[in-house]
Every structure is written in C-alpha cells, then in structure tokens.
Amino acid sequence: MLKILKFPDPRLRIKAKELKFIDKEINLILGEMKELMYEADGIGLAATQVGIHLRIFTFDISEEKNSPQVAINPKIISKSQEKIEFEEGCLSIPGLRLPIKRAKKIVVKWLDEKGNEYQKEIENLESVLFQHEIDHLDGKLIIDKLPQEERKKIINLLFSKSSDLSKIDYLLGERGK
C-alpha cells in the first residue's frame, strides 16, 4: 500500500526518471495513486510523493471529483510571461498553504495510461496544478518558491513544538500584495 511521504523526507528531493513503458504494474500503481489522492482530498499526486521516482502524476480538477486523469512523462513546452497567484497546498506538507506565483498559461505535453499523447495549452488552476506536480517530479516543493529567509521561518515553524500554521500569514507579511 502506498503512503504519502511527508516533508522533510529526503526521497521528496529525488528527481524522477522518464517512464520507458506502461505495463500492468504501472497501471496498478496509478490506480493506487488515484485512490490515495482522493483519500487525502487532493487534486494532484506525483509518484515522487509516494516514493516512486518515475515521471507520472494523477490529477482531478473536476468539481465532482470523479474524473481522475494521469500524466506520464509530462513536459512543459512553453510558459506565458503573465503570472497568476494561487494559494497552493501540498499533500506532503499537510496544513501548509502558500501564495505562489506561476505562469498563467502553459503548453504541456504528456501521455495517458494508455499511451495516448496529448499536447495542449492550459491555464489557471490546471496550469498551476501541472507546474506544481512537475516540480515534485523534479524534486522541488512549494516552500522552495519562497525567498530563503521566509523559507527558513516556515521550516522552523513546521518543526516547532507548537507548529501553529496560522502564523504563516504573519511571517509572510504583505508579500505579493
């Protein structure tokens, strides 16, 4: 049974390798990842987050949470200069939500679990989701998007005995407003 790795597990920092072929075992893993994503109330889950270092993730941004999809070997082809800020959470850092700026639109290509290739321009939440999950596949986390001083403060807060995450807004101050 797969489990979501929690920060600061060093396996979250391992860069994932491209998947060479899709077989029954990969489809079983993808099925487990979809279930785990829903159990954790997430909209995306990268294989890196469950200790599997292959370039795959599951996602579902549908309102009904009944449309799980898979991205295998996703690759960003281009990014817009225009940025959008979303408050992002991460299943590997429970309770933490941070305002993160990313490209509003990206052109991305990937394979589904049947090997069908997709290339499309996506924007807003879907664009943010793809960028977030691809960051995981590259061994990066949302806290890495913060300036070093803010990152240190957040990490200290995450590991303090009180771990009062309500202080994060205060620590971040008026950044980005």
N, C-alpha and C. Protein backbone atom coordinates (compact mmCIF):
# COMPACT_ATOMS: atom_id res chain seq x y z
N MET A 1 0.84 -1.20 0.00
CA MET A 1 0.00 0.00 0.00
C MET A 1 0.88 1.26 0.00
N LEU A 2 0.57 2.17 -0.88
CA LEU A 2 1.33 3.41 -0.98
C LEU A 2 0.96 4.37 0.15
N LYS A 3 1.93 5.16 0.58
CA LYS A 3 1.72 6.21 1.58
C LYS A 3 2.36 7.49 1.07
N ILE A 4 1.75 8.61 1.43
CA ILE A 4 2.29 9.91 1.02
C ILE A 4 3.47 10.26 1.93
N LEU A 5 4.61 10.53 1.31
CA LEU A 5 5.79 10.96 2.06
C LEU A 5 5.58 12.37 2.58
N LYS A 6 6.07 12.63 3.77
CA LYS A 6 5.94 13.95 4.38
C LYS A 6 7.30 14.65 4.43
N PHE A 7 7.26 15.96 4.21
CA PHE A 7 8.45 16.79 4.35
C PHE A 7 8.97 16.63 5.78
N PRO A 8 10.25 16.45 6.01
CA PRO A 8 11.41 16.64 5.14
C PRO A 8 11.99 15.34 4.55
N ASP A 9 11.18 14.34 4.32
CA ASP A 9 11.68 13.07 3.79
C ASP A 9 12.57 13.33 2.57
N PRO A 10 13.82 12.88 2.60
CA PRO A 10 14.76 13.17 1.50
C PRO A 10 14.33 12.58 0.16
N ARG A 11 13.46 11.57 0.17
CA ARG A 11 13.00 10.98 -1.09
C ARG A 11 12.17 11.97 -1.91
N LEU A 12 11.62 13.00 -1.25
CA LEU A 12 10.86 14.03 -1.97
C LEU A 12 11.77 14.88 -2.85
N ARG A 13 13.08 14.83 -2.60
CA ARG A 13 14.04 15.65 -3.33
C ARG A 13 14.70 14.91 -4.50
N ILE A 14 14.31 13.66 -4.72
CA ILE A 14 14.90 12.87 -5.80
C ILE A 14 14.20 13.20 -7.12
N LYS A 15 14.99 13.50 -8.13
CA LYS A 15 14.43 13.80 -9.45
C LYS A 15 13.96 12.49 -10.11
N ALA A 16 12.72 12.51 -10.59
CA ALA A 16 12.12 11.31 -11.19
C ALA A 16 12.67 11.06 -12.59
N LYS A 17 12.67 9.79 -12.96
CA LYS A 17 13.13 9.37 -14.29
C LYS A 17 11.94 9.16 -15.23
N GLU A 18 12.19 9.36 -16.51
CA GLU A 18 11.14 9.13 -17.50
C GLU A 18 10.70 7.68 -17.49
N LEU A 19 9.43 7.48 -17.68
CA LEU A 19 8.87 6.14 -17.77
C LEU A 19 9.12 5.62 -19.18
N LYS A 20 9.68 4.44 -19.29
CA LYS A 20 10.04 3.87 -20.61
C LYS A 20 8.87 3.13 -21.25
N PHE A 21 8.05 2.46 -20.43
CA PHE A 21 6.90 1.73 -20.97
C PHE A 21 5.82 1.64 -19.91
N ILE A 22 4.60 1.47 -20.37
CA ILE A 22 3.44 1.39 -19.48
C ILE A 22 3.00 -0.07 -19.45
N ASP A 23 3.04 -0.67 -18.26
CA ASP A 23 2.63 -2.07 -18.14
C ASP A 23 1.58 -2.22 -17.04
N LYS A 24 1.22 -3.45 -16.76
CA LYS A 24 0.19 -3.75 -15.76
C LYS A 24 0.59 -3.20 -14.38
N GLU A 25 1.87 -3.35 -14.03
CA GLU A 25 2.34 -2.87 -12.73
C GLU A 25 2.18 -1.35 -12.61
N ILE A 26 2.52 -0.63 -13.66
CA ILE A 26 2.37 0.84 -13.65
C ILE A 26 0.90 1.20 -13.50
N ASN A 27 0.02 0.51 -14.21
CA ASN A 27 -1.41 0.80 -14.09
C ASN A 27 -1.95 0.49 -12.70
N LEU A 28 -1.41 -0.53 -12.03
CA LEU A 28 -1.80 -0.80 -10.63
C LEU A 28 -1.35 0.34 -9.72
N ILE A 29 -0.12 0.81 -9.93
CA ILE A 29 0.40 1.94 -9.14
C ILE A 29 -0.46 3.17 -9.38
N LEU A 30 -0.80 3.44 -10.64
CA LEU A 30 -1.63 4.61 -10.96
C LEU A 30 -3.00 4.50 -10.29
N GLY A 31 -3.57 3.31 -10.27
CA GLY A 31 -4.85 3.10 -9.60
C GLY A 31 -4.76 3.40 -8.11
N GLU A 32 -3.69 2.93 -7.48
CA GLU A 32 -3.48 3.21 -6.05
C GLU A 32 -3.26 4.70 -5.81
N MET A 33 -2.52 5.34 -6.71
CA MET A 33 -2.27 6.78 -6.56
C MET A 33 -3.57 7.57 -6.66
N LYS A 34 -4.45 7.19 -7.58
CA LYS A 34 -5.74 7.88 -7.71
C LYS A 34 -6.53 7.75 -6.41
N GLU A 35 -6.61 6.53 -5.88
CA GLU A 35 -7.33 6.31 -4.62
C GLU A 35 -6.74 7.14 -3.49
N LEU A 36 -5.42 7.13 -3.38
CA LEU A 36 -4.74 7.87 -2.32
C LEU A 36 -4.97 9.37 -2.46
N MET A 37 -4.95 9.87 -3.70
CA MET A 37 -5.19 11.29 -3.95
C MET A 37 -6.58 11.69 -3.43
N TYR A 38 -7.59 10.86 -3.72
CA TYR A 38 -8.95 11.15 -3.25
C TYR A 38 -9.05 11.03 -1.73
N GLU A 39 -8.44 9.99 -1.15
CA GLU A 39 -8.47 9.82 0.31
C GLU A 39 -7.87 11.03 1.01
N ALA A 40 -6.82 11.59 0.43
CA ALA A 40 -6.13 12.73 1.03
C ALA A 40 -6.79 14.06 0.66
N ASP A 41 -7.87 14.01 -0.11
CA ASP A 41 -8.60 15.20 -0.55
C ASP A 41 -7.71 16.14 -1.37
N GLY A 42 -6.89 15.53 -2.24
CA GLY A 42 -6.01 16.32 -3.09
C GLY A 42 -6.56 16.42 -4.51
N ILE A 43 -5.96 17.32 -5.29
CA ILE A 43 -6.33 17.44 -6.71
C ILE A 43 -5.21 16.91 -7.61
N GLY A 44 -4.08 16.57 -7.00
CA GLY A 44 -2.96 16.00 -7.74
C GLY A 44 -2.04 15.24 -6.81
N LEU A 45 -1.38 14.22 -7.35
CA LEU A 45 -0.43 13.44 -6.57
C LEU A 45 0.66 12.92 -7.51
N ALA A 46 1.89 13.34 -7.24
CA ALA A 46 3.03 12.91 -8.05
C ALA A 46 3.60 11.61 -7.48
N ALA A 47 4.11 10.76 -8.36
CA ALA A 47 4.70 9.49 -7.93
C ALA A 47 5.82 9.72 -6.92
N THR A 48 6.56 10.80 -7.08
CA THR A 48 7.63 11.14 -6.13
C THR A 48 7.09 11.22 -4.71
N GLN A 49 5.87 11.69 -4.56
CA GLN A 49 5.28 11.85 -3.23
C GLN A 49 4.95 10.52 -2.56
N VAL A 50 4.99 9.44 -3.31
CA VAL A 50 4.76 8.11 -2.72
C VAL A 50 6.02 7.25 -2.84
N GLY A 51 7.14 7.90 -3.09
CA GLY A 51 8.42 7.20 -3.11
C GLY A 51 8.72 6.44 -4.39
N ILE A 52 7.99 6.75 -5.45
CA ILE A 52 8.23 6.13 -6.76
C ILE A 52 8.80 7.21 -7.67
N HIS A 53 10.01 7.02 -8.12
CA HIS A 53 10.71 8.09 -8.83
C HIS A 53 10.62 7.94 -10.34
N LEU A 54 9.36 7.97 -10.79
CA LEU A 54 9.04 7.96 -12.21
C LEU A 54 8.22 9.20 -12.52
N ARG A 55 8.32 9.71 -13.74
CA ARG A 55 7.66 10.96 -14.12
C ARG A 55 6.19 10.71 -14.44
N ILE A 56 5.43 10.49 -13.38
CA ILE A 56 3.98 10.29 -13.52
C ILE A 56 3.26 11.00 -12.38
N PHE A 57 2.06 11.50 -12.68
CA PHE A 57 1.19 12.00 -11.61
C PHE A 57 -0.26 11.79 -11.99
N THR A 58 -1.10 11.77 -10.95
CA THR A 58 -2.54 11.68 -11.14
C THR A 58 -3.13 13.03 -10.78
N PHE A 59 -4.28 13.35 -11.37
CA PHE A 59 -4.92 14.63 -11.05
C PHE A 59 -6.41 14.57 -11.36
N ASP A 60 -7.14 15.44 -10.69
CA ASP A 60 -8.57 15.59 -10.93
C ASP A 60 -8.98 16.98 -10.46
N ILE A 61 -9.27 17.85 -11.40
CA ILE A 61 -9.71 19.20 -11.03
C ILE A 61 -11.20 19.39 -11.28
N SER A 62 -11.91 18.29 -11.50
CA SER A 62 -13.35 18.39 -11.71
C SER A 62 -14.04 18.75 -10.40
N GLU A 63 -15.15 19.47 -10.50
CA GLU A 63 -15.92 19.86 -9.31
C GLU A 63 -16.40 18.63 -8.55
N GLU A 64 -16.79 17.61 -9.30
CA GLU A 64 -17.40 16.41 -8.71
C GLU A 64 -16.36 15.45 -8.13
N LYS A 65 -15.10 15.66 -8.44
CA LYS A 65 -14.02 14.76 -8.01
C LYS A 65 -14.29 13.33 -8.48
N ASN A 66 -14.63 13.19 -9.75
CA ASN A 66 -14.93 11.86 -10.30
C ASN A 66 -14.31 11.66 -11.68
N SER A 67 -13.28 12.44 -11.97
CA SER A 67 -12.67 12.40 -13.30
C SER A 67 -11.15 12.26 -13.20
N PRO A 68 -10.66 11.18 -12.57
CA PRO A 68 -9.21 11.07 -12.39
C PRO A 68 -8.49 10.92 -13.72
N GLN A 69 -7.38 11.62 -13.83
CA GLN A 69 -6.57 11.56 -15.04
C GLN A 69 -5.12 11.28 -14.65
N VAL A 70 -4.34 10.93 -15.65
CA VAL A 70 -2.94 10.57 -15.43
C VAL A 70 -2.08 11.35 -16.42
N ALA A 71 -0.95 11.82 -15.95
CA ALA A 71 0.05 12.44 -16.83
C ALA A 71 1.35 11.66 -16.69
N ILE A 72 1.78 11.07 -17.79
CA ILE A 72 3.02 10.30 -17.83
C ILE A 72 4.03 11.08 -18.66
N ASN A 73 5.23 11.23 -18.11
CA ASN A 73 6.31 11.99 -18.76
C ASN A 73 5.86 13.38 -19.19
N PRO A 74 5.20 14.13 -18.28
CA PRO A 74 4.74 15.47 -18.67
C PRO A 74 5.92 16.40 -18.93
N LYS A 75 5.74 17.27 -19.90
CA LYS A 75 6.81 18.20 -20.26
C LYS A 75 6.19 19.54 -20.62
N ILE A 76 6.68 20.60 -19.99
CA ILE A 76 6.22 21.95 -20.33
C ILE A 76 6.99 22.40 -21.56
N ILE A 77 6.23 22.76 -22.61
CA ILE A 77 6.81 23.21 -23.87
C ILE A 77 7.06 24.71 -23.82
N SER A 78 6.10 25.45 -23.28
CA SER A 78 6.25 26.91 -23.17
C SER A 78 5.40 27.43 -22.02
N LYS A 79 5.80 28.61 -21.52
CA LYS A 79 5.09 29.27 -20.42
C LYS A 79 4.80 30.71 -20.83
N SER A 80 3.64 31.21 -20.42
CA SER A 80 3.33 32.62 -20.66
C SER A 80 4.14 33.48 -19.70
N GLN A 81 4.37 34.72 -20.10
CA GLN A 81 5.03 35.67 -19.21
C GLN A 81 4.07 36.11 -18.10
N GLU A 82 2.77 36.09 -18.44
CA GLU A 82 1.76 36.50 -17.47
C GLU A 82 1.70 35.50 -16.32
N LYS A 83 1.66 36.03 -15.10
CA LYS A 83 1.64 35.19 -13.90
C LYS A 83 0.26 35.20 -13.25
N ILE A 84 0.03 34.16 -12.48
CA ILE A 84 -1.19 34.07 -11.69
C ILE A 84 -0.78 33.57 -10.31
N GLU A 85 -1.43 34.09 -9.26
CA GLU A 85 -1.11 33.65 -7.91
C GLU A 85 -2.25 32.81 -7.36
N PHE A 86 -1.90 31.63 -6.90
CA PHE A 86 -2.86 30.73 -6.26
C PHE A 86 -2.33 30.40 -4.87
N GLU A 87 -3.24 30.18 -3.95
CA GLU A 87 -2.84 29.67 -2.65
C GLU A 87 -2.74 28.15 -2.79
N GLU A 88 -1.52 27.65 -2.76
CA GLU A 88 -1.28 26.23 -3.00
C GLU A 88 -1.05 25.49 -1.70
N GLY A 89 -1.56 24.28 -1.67
CA GLY A 89 -1.29 23.35 -0.59
C GLY A 89 -0.49 22.20 -1.15
N CYS A 90 -0.05 21.32 -0.26
CA CYS A 90 0.75 20.17 -0.70
C CYS A 90 0.47 19.01 0.23
N LEU A 91 0.14 17.86 -0.35
CA LEU A 91 -0.15 16.68 0.46
C LEU A 91 1.07 16.21 1.25
N SER A 92 2.26 16.61 0.83
CA SER A 92 3.48 16.23 1.55
C SER A 92 3.84 17.21 2.66
N ILE A 93 3.13 18.34 2.72
CA ILE A 93 3.32 19.31 3.81
C ILE A 93 1.92 19.67 4.32
N PRO A 94 1.26 18.75 5.03
CA PRO A 94 -0.13 18.96 5.43
C PRO A 94 -0.32 20.24 6.24
N GLY A 95 -1.42 20.93 5.95
CA GLY A 95 -1.77 22.13 6.69
C GLY A 95 -1.15 23.41 6.16
N LEU A 96 -0.15 23.30 5.32
CA LEU A 96 0.54 24.49 4.81
C LEU A 96 -0.10 24.93 3.50
N ARG A 97 -0.45 26.20 3.43
CA ARG A 97 -0.96 26.80 2.19
C ARG A 97 -0.18 28.09 1.98
N LEU A 98 0.36 28.25 0.77
CA LEU A 98 1.18 29.42 0.47
C LEU A 98 0.76 30.07 -0.83
N PRO A 99 0.77 31.41 -0.88
CA PRO A 99 0.50 32.09 -2.15
C PRO A 99 1.73 31.95 -3.06
N ILE A 100 1.53 31.29 -4.20
CA ILE A 100 2.63 31.02 -5.13
C ILE A 100 2.28 31.60 -6.50
N LYS A 101 3.22 32.33 -7.09
CA LYS A 101 3.03 32.86 -8.45
C LYS A 101 3.63 31.90 -9.46
N ARG A 102 2.85 31.61 -10.49
CA ARG A 102 3.30 30.73 -11.57
C ARG A 102 2.78 31.29 -12.89
N ALA A 103 3.26 30.70 -13.98
CA ALA A 103 2.78 31.10 -15.30
C ALA A 103 1.27 30.83 -15.39
N LYS A 104 0.54 31.82 -15.90
CA LYS A 104 -0.91 31.67 -16.03
C LYS A 104 -1.27 30.61 -17.07
N LYS A 105 -0.52 30.59 -18.17
CA LYS A 105 -0.78 29.62 -19.24
C LYS A 105 0.50 28.86 -19.55
N ILE A 106 0.34 27.59 -19.84
CA ILE A 106 1.47 26.80 -20.31
C ILE A 106 1.00 25.90 -21.45
N VAL A 107 1.94 25.53 -22.30
CA VAL A 107 1.69 24.47 -23.28
C VAL A 107 2.43 23.26 -22.74
N VAL A 108 1.71 22.17 -22.60
CA VAL A 108 2.28 20.98 -21.98
C VAL A 108 1.94 19.75 -22.81
N LYS A 109 2.85 18.77 -22.78
CA LYS A 109 2.51 17.51 -23.44
C LYS A 109 2.76 16.37 -22.45
N TRP A 110 1.98 15.29 -22.62
CA TRP A 110 2.09 14.15 -21.74
C TRP A 110 1.39 12.95 -22.39
N LEU A 111 1.58 11.79 -21.78
CA LEU A 111 0.89 10.57 -22.19
C LEU A 111 -0.12 10.20 -21.12
N ASP A 112 -1.22 9.56 -21.53
CA ASP A 112 -2.13 9.00 -20.54
C ASP A 112 -1.74 7.54 -20.28
N GLU A 113 -2.50 6.85 -19.44
CA GLU A 113 -2.12 5.48 -19.06
C GLU A 113 -2.24 4.47 -20.20
N LYS A 114 -2.89 4.88 -21.29
CA LYS A 114 -2.99 4.00 -22.46
C LYS A 114 -1.91 4.32 -23.50
N GLY A 115 -1.09 5.34 -23.21
CA GLY A 115 -0.03 5.71 -24.14
C GLY A 115 -0.43 6.76 -25.16
N ASN A 116 -1.67 7.28 -25.04
CA ASN A 116 -2.11 8.35 -25.94
C ASN A 116 -1.38 9.64 -25.59
N GLU A 117 -0.90 10.35 -26.62
CA GLU A 117 -0.16 11.59 -26.39
C GLU A 117 -1.10 12.78 -26.49
N TYR A 118 -0.91 13.72 -25.56
CA TYR A 118 -1.67 14.96 -25.54
C TYR A 118 -0.70 16.12 -25.57
N GLN A 119 -1.09 17.18 -26.25
CA GLN A 119 -0.38 18.45 -26.16
C GLN A 119 -1.44 19.52 -26.22
N LYS A 120 -1.48 20.35 -25.17
CA LYS A 120 -2.48 21.41 -25.19
C LYS A 120 -2.04 22.59 -24.34
N GLU A 121 -2.70 23.71 -24.62
CA GLU A 121 -2.49 24.91 -23.82
C GLU A 121 -3.49 24.86 -22.68
N ILE A 122 -2.99 25.02 -21.47
CA ILE A 122 -3.87 25.03 -20.30
C ILE A 122 -3.61 26.30 -19.51
N GLU A 123 -4.58 26.69 -18.70
CA GLU A 123 -4.42 27.92 -17.94
C GLU A 123 -5.06 27.81 -16.57
N ASN A 124 -4.79 28.83 -15.77
CA ASN A 124 -5.36 28.97 -14.44
C ASN A 124 -5.07 27.76 -13.56
N LEU A 125 -6.09 27.19 -12.90
CA LEU A 125 -5.86 26.11 -11.95
C LEU A 125 -5.16 24.91 -12.58
N GLU A 126 -5.56 24.54 -13.79
CA GLU A 126 -4.95 23.38 -14.44
C GLU A 126 -3.46 23.64 -14.72
N SER A 127 -3.14 24.86 -15.12
CA SER A 127 -1.74 25.23 -15.36
C SER A 127 -0.94 25.17 -14.06
N VAL A 128 -1.50 25.72 -13.00
CA VAL A 128 -0.85 25.70 -11.68
C VAL A 128 -0.63 24.26 -11.23
N LEU A 129 -1.66 23.44 -11.38
CA LEU A 129 -1.56 22.03 -10.98
C LEU A 129 -0.42 21.33 -11.72
N PHE A 130 -0.36 21.47 -13.04
CA PHE A 130 0.70 20.81 -13.80
C PHE A 130 2.08 21.30 -13.36
N GLN A 131 2.22 22.62 -13.16
CA GLN A 131 3.52 23.15 -12.74
C GLN A 131 3.91 22.63 -11.35
N HIS A 132 2.93 22.56 -10.45
CA HIS A 132 3.16 22.06 -9.08
C HIS A 132 3.61 20.60 -9.11
N GLU A 133 2.88 19.77 -9.86
CA GLU A 133 3.21 18.33 -9.90
C GLU A 133 4.53 18.08 -10.62
N ILE A 134 4.81 18.83 -11.68
CA ILE A 134 6.09 18.68 -12.37
C ILE A 134 7.23 19.11 -11.44
N ASP A 135 7.00 20.14 -10.61
CA ASP A 135 8.00 20.50 -9.60
C ASP A 135 8.31 19.28 -8.72
N HIS A 136 7.27 18.57 -8.26
CA HIS A 136 7.51 17.37 -7.45
C HIS A 136 8.39 16.37 -8.19
N LEU A 137 8.10 16.17 -9.47
CA LEU A 137 8.88 15.21 -10.26
C LEU A 137 10.34 15.65 -10.41
N ASP A 138 10.57 16.95 -10.24
CA ASP A 138 11.93 17.50 -10.29
C ASP A 138 12.55 17.63 -8.90
N GLY A 139 11.87 17.10 -7.87
CA GLY A 139 12.39 17.15 -6.51
C GLY A 139 12.22 18.49 -5.81
N LYS A 140 11.25 19.29 -6.28
CA LYS A 140 11.02 20.62 -5.70
C LYS A 140 9.68 20.65 -4.97
N LEU A 141 9.61 21.49 -3.93
CA LEU A 141 8.40 21.66 -3.14
C LEU A 141 7.97 23.13 -3.16
N ILE A 142 6.73 23.40 -2.73
CA ILE A 142 6.24 24.78 -2.76
C ILE A 142 7.08 25.71 -1.90
N ILE A 143 7.64 25.21 -0.81
CA ILE A 143 8.46 26.09 0.04
C ILE A 143 9.71 26.56 -0.69
N ASP A 144 10.13 25.83 -1.71
CA ASP A 144 11.30 26.24 -2.49
C ASP A 144 11.03 27.50 -3.31
N LYS A 145 9.77 27.85 -3.49
CA LYS A 145 9.40 29.04 -4.26
C LYS A 145 9.54 30.31 -3.43
N LEU A 146 9.72 30.15 -2.12
CA LEU A 146 9.83 31.31 -1.22
C LEU A 146 11.26 31.83 -1.18
N PRO A 147 11.41 33.13 -0.90
CA PRO A 147 12.76 33.65 -0.64
C PRO A 147 13.37 32.91 0.55
N GLN A 148 14.69 32.81 0.60
CA GLN A 148 15.37 31.98 1.59
C GLN A 148 14.98 32.31 3.03
N GLU A 149 14.90 33.58 3.39
CA GLU A 149 14.56 33.95 4.77
C GLU A 149 13.16 33.48 5.15
N GLU A 150 12.20 33.69 4.24
CA GLU A 150 10.84 33.23 4.50
C GLU A 150 10.79 31.71 4.60
N ARG A 151 11.53 31.05 3.73
CA ARG A 151 11.56 29.58 3.73
C ARG A 151 12.07 29.07 5.08
N LYS A 152 13.16 29.69 5.59
CA LYS A 152 13.71 29.28 6.89
C LYS A 152 12.67 29.43 8.00
N LYS A 153 11.97 30.57 7.99
CA LYS A 153 10.96 30.82 9.03
C LYS A 153 9.84 29.78 8.97
N ILE A 154 9.39 29.47 7.76
CA ILE A 154 8.31 28.48 7.59
C ILE A 154 8.78 27.10 8.06
N ILE A 155 9.99 26.71 7.67
CA ILE A 155 10.52 25.40 8.07
C ILE A 155 10.65 25.33 9.59
N ASN A 156 11.17 26.40 10.20
CA ASN A 156 11.26 26.43 11.67
C ASN A 156 9.89 26.29 12.30
N LEU A 157 8.91 26.97 11.74
CA LEU A 157 7.55 26.89 12.27
C LEU A 157 6.99 25.48 12.11
N LEU A 158 7.24 24.86 10.97
CA LEU A 158 6.75 23.49 10.74
C LEU A 158 7.31 22.51 11.76
N PHE A 159 8.52 22.76 12.24
CA PHE A 159 9.16 21.83 13.17
C PHE A 159 9.14 22.30 14.62
N SER A 160 8.50 23.44 14.88
CA SER A 160 8.40 23.89 16.27
C SER A 160 7.38 23.02 16.99
N LYS A 161 7.48 22.97 18.30
CA LYS A 161 6.57 22.13 19.08
C LYS A 161 5.11 22.55 18.90
N SER A 162 4.89 23.86 18.83
CA SER A 162 3.50 24.34 18.70
C SER A 162 2.98 24.16 17.28
N SER A 163 3.86 24.31 16.31
CA SER A 163 3.50 24.15 14.89
C SER A 163 2.19 24.86 14.54
N ASP A 164 2.07 26.12 14.99
CA ASP A 164 0.87 26.91 14.73
C ASP A 164 0.97 27.53 13.34
N LEU A 165 0.37 26.85 12.36
CA LEU A 165 0.48 27.31 10.97
C LEU A 165 -0.29 28.60 10.70
N SER A 166 -1.11 29.05 11.65
CA SER A 166 -1.82 30.32 11.46
C SER A 166 -0.83 31.49 11.45
N LYS A 167 0.37 31.28 11.96
CA LYS A 167 1.39 32.34 11.99
C LYS A 167 2.02 32.57 10.62
N ILE A 168 1.76 31.70 9.68
CA ILE A 168 2.42 31.80 8.37
C ILE A 168 2.08 33.11 7.67
N ASP A 169 0.80 33.50 7.70
CA ASP A 169 0.42 34.77 7.06
C ASP A 169 1.21 35.92 7.66
N TYR A 170 1.38 35.90 8.97
CA TYR A 170 2.14 36.94 9.63
C TYR A 170 3.60 36.91 9.18
N LEU A 171 4.18 35.71 9.10
CA LEU A 171 5.58 35.59 8.69
C LEU A 171 5.80 36.06 7.27
N LEU A 172 4.82 35.80 6.41
CA LEU A 172 4.95 36.21 5.01
C LEU A 172 4.65 37.69 4.83
N GLY A 173 4.01 38.30 5.83
CA GLY A 173 3.72 39.72 5.78
C GLY A 173 2.85 40.08 4.59
N GLU A 174 3.18 41.16 3.98
CA GLU A 174 2.38 41.67 2.86
C GLU A 174 2.98 41.27 1.52
N ARG A 175 3.83 40.25 1.49
CA ARG A 175 4.48 39.83 0.25
C ARG A 175 3.45 39.59 -0.84
N GLY A 176 3.72 40.18 -1.98
CA GLY A 176 2.88 39.93 -3.15
C GLY A 176 1.56 40.68 -3.17
N LYS A 177 1.30 41.51 -2.16
CA LYS A 177 0.02 42.23 -2.14
C LYS A 177 0.17 43.62 -2.70
